[in-house]
Protein backbone atom coordinates (compact mmCIF):
# COMPACT_ATOMS: atom_id res chain seq x y z
CA UNK A 1 -1.67 4.38 47.54
CA UNK A 2 -3.20 1.36 45.82
CA UNK A 3 -5.48 3.67 43.83
CA UNK A 4 -2.65 5.38 41.97
CA UNK A 5 -1.46 2.29 40.03
CA UNK A 6 -5.07 1.43 39.22
CA UNK A 7 -5.74 4.94 37.95
CA UNK A 8 -2.56 4.91 35.84
CA UNK A 9 -3.51 1.56 34.33
CA UNK A 10 -7.01 2.83 33.59
CA UNK A 11 -5.62 6.01 31.99
CA UNK A 12 -3.16 4.01 29.86
CA UNK A 13 -5.92 1.69 28.66
CA UNK A 14 -8.10 4.68 27.83
CA UNK A 15 -5.34 6.26 25.73
CA UNK A 16 -4.68 3.02 23.86
CA UNK A 17 -8.38 2.62 23.15
CA UNK A 18 -8.64 6.20 21.90
CA UNK A 19 -5.60 5.71 19.65
CA UNK A 20 -6.96 2.44 18.26
CA UNK A 21 -10.23 4.18 17.40
CA UNK A 22 -8.30 6.72 15.26
CA UNK A 23 -6.60 4.01 13.18
CA UNK A 24 -8.92 2.80 10.43
CA UNK A 25 -9.21 -0.95 10.12
CA UNK A 26 -8.43 -2.19 6.64
CA UNK A 27 -9.72 -5.28 5.01
CA UNK A 28 -7.64 -6.89 2.26
CA UNK A 29 -9.25 -7.32 -1.12
CA UNK A 30 -10.59 -10.74 -2.06
CA UNK A 31 -7.88 -12.69 -3.91
CA UNK A 32 -9.64 -12.45 -7.30
CA UNK A 33 -9.78 -8.63 -7.02
CA UNK A 34 -6.12 -8.08 -6.03
CA UNK A 35 -3.46 -6.31 -8.09
CA UNK A 36 -1.72 -8.81 -10.34
CA UNK A 37 1.84 -7.51 -10.36
CA UNK A 38 2.70 -9.24 -13.62
CA UNK A 39 -0.12 -7.38 -15.39
CA UNK A 40 0.71 -3.78 -14.39
CA UNK A 41 0.35 -1.43 -17.37
CA UNK A 42 1.10 1.84 -15.58
CA UNK A 43 1.75 3.32 -12.15
CA UNK A 44 1.72 6.87 -10.78
CA UNK A 45 3.07 8.32 -7.54
CA UNK A 46 0.46 10.83 -6.33
CA UNK A 47 2.21 11.76 -3.09
CA UNK A 48 4.52 10.24 -0.45
CA UNK A 49 1.78 7.87 0.73
CA UNK A 50 -0.35 7.21 -2.34
CA UNK A 51 0.29 5.40 -5.61
CA UNK A 52 -2.02 4.47 -8.46
CA UNK A 53 -1.80 1.23 -10.42
CA UNK A 54 -3.60 0.11 -13.57
CA UNK A 55 -3.76 -3.51 -14.70
CA UNK A 56 -5.78 -3.60 -17.90
CA UNK A 57 -9.26 -2.27 -17.15
CA UNK A 58 -8.71 -2.38 -13.35
CA UNK A 59 -7.49 0.63 -11.40
CA UNK A 60 -6.27 0.80 -7.81
CA UNK A 61 -5.16 3.29 -5.18
CA UNK A 62 -2.33 1.92 -3.02
CA UNK A 63 -2.07 3.62 0.38
CA UNK A 64 1.13 3.42 2.44
CA UNK A 65 1.54 3.37 6.22
CA UNK A 66 4.32 5.98 6.22
CA UNK A 67 5.98 8.46 3.88
CA UNK A 68 7.93 6.84 1.06
CA UNK A 69 9.60 9.92 -0.50
CA UNK A 70 11.82 8.25 -3.10
CA UNK A 71 9.13 6.02 -4.52
CA UNK A 72 9.16 6.15 -8.30
CA UNK A 73 12.79 7.31 -8.56
CA UNK A 74 15.24 5.18 -10.52
CA UNK A 75 14.62 2.06 -12.55
CA UNK A 76 12.83 0.12 -11.35
CA UNK A 77 10.98 2.86 -9.53
CA UNK A 78 7.98 0.90 -8.31
CA UNK A 79 8.21 -2.68 -7.06
CA UNK A 80 5.34 -4.38 -5.27
CA UNK A 81 6.25 -7.25 -2.94
CA UNK A 82 3.77 -9.78 -1.58
CA UNK A 83 3.77 -10.85 2.08
CA UNK A 84 5.29 -14.19 2.98
CA UNK A 85 1.83 -15.75 3.22
CA UNK A 86 0.84 -14.09 -0.05
CA UNK A 87 3.83 -15.66 -1.80
CA UNK A 88 2.58 -19.10 -0.75
CA UNK A 89 -0.93 -18.35 -2.05
CA UNK A 90 0.31 -16.96 -5.36
CA UNK A 91 3.05 -14.38 -4.99
CA UNK A 92 2.17 -12.05 -7.81
CA UNK A 93 -0.87 -10.44 -6.15
CA UNK A 94 -1.15 -7.46 -3.82
CA UNK A 95 -4.37 -7.30 -1.82
CA UNK A 96 -3.58 -4.76 0.92
CA UNK A 97 -2.70 -7.46 3.42
CA UNK A 98 -0.20 -7.27 6.29
CA UNK A 99 3.41 -7.69 5.19
CA UNK A 100 2.96 -6.35 1.66
CA UNK A 101 5.39 -3.63 0.62
CA UNK A 102 6.37 -1.34 -2.22
CA UNK A 103 9.91 -0.18 -2.95
CA UNK A 104 12.05 1.64 -5.46
CA UNK A 105 15.66 1.23 -6.43
CA UNK A 106 17.98 2.10 -3.53
CA UNK A 107 15.08 2.58 -1.13
CA UNK A 108 13.96 0.34 1.70
CA UNK A 109 10.49 -1.19 1.36
CA UNK A 110 7.49 0.81 2.54
CA UNK A 111 4.56 -1.01 4.14
CA UNK A 112 1.23 -0.97 2.33
CA UNK A 113 -1.71 -0.06 4.55
CA UNK A 114 -4.50 -0.73 2.04
CA UNK A 115 -5.39 -1.25 -1.60
CA UNK A 116 -8.69 -0.10 -3.02
CA UNK A 117 -10.21 -0.45 -6.46
CA UNK A 118 -11.12 2.94 -7.94
CA UNK A 119 -13.13 3.98 -10.96
CA UNK A 120 -11.64 5.40 -14.15
CA UNK A 121 -12.69 8.99 -13.39
CA UNK A 122 -11.03 8.93 -9.95
CA UNK A 123 -7.90 7.36 -11.43
CA UNK A 124 -7.65 10.04 -14.13
CA UNK A 125 -8.30 12.87 -11.66
CA UNK A 126 -5.61 11.64 -9.24
CA UNK A 127 -3.19 10.78 -12.05
CA UNK A 128 -3.09 14.41 -13.18
CA UNK A 129 -1.51 15.34 -9.83
CA UNK A 130 1.08 12.56 -9.85
CA UNK A 131 4.73 13.53 -9.40
CA UNK A 132 6.19 10.44 -11.09
CA UNK A 133 4.96 7.85 -13.57
CA UNK A 134 6.05 4.54 -14.99
CA UNK A 135 4.91 1.58 -17.00
CA UNK A 136 4.82 -2.16 -16.70
CA UNK A 137 7.77 -2.32 -19.09
CA UNK A 138 10.02 -1.23 -16.20
CA UNK A 139 8.90 -4.10 -14.00
CA UNK A 140 11.14 -7.10 -13.51
CA UNK A 141 9.74 -10.34 -14.95
CA UNK A 142 7.42 -12.35 -12.68
CA UNK A 143 9.01 -15.38 -11.09
């Protein structure tokens, strides 16, 4: 009977390892390459888990951990929030780090899984399929 608990433990560890292998590891952007929230010119909601952001000549794809269906609805429709540690380092940057979120009016925050810089052609191609759009003029002032 001692084999059964050992086998169950081994099976559970195997499942956890298999699951962990399916989840891509993300690496936050270096601080100098992060989204500066006070410099956002435009944003686009591509789907429930993807948003695009442009800050001057820089373009980013923001990927979310779960569906965020009301993102982009209302004013403000797109609010990026730094993690607690990010606020200490300079709270107006989003790098794709743990604890960073995006929200819209009357919607709970949605966790950001990663942020990646993208080229202009990719931005334009994805932007054409966006369901909602906005500009930096809708953003609250940086604190």
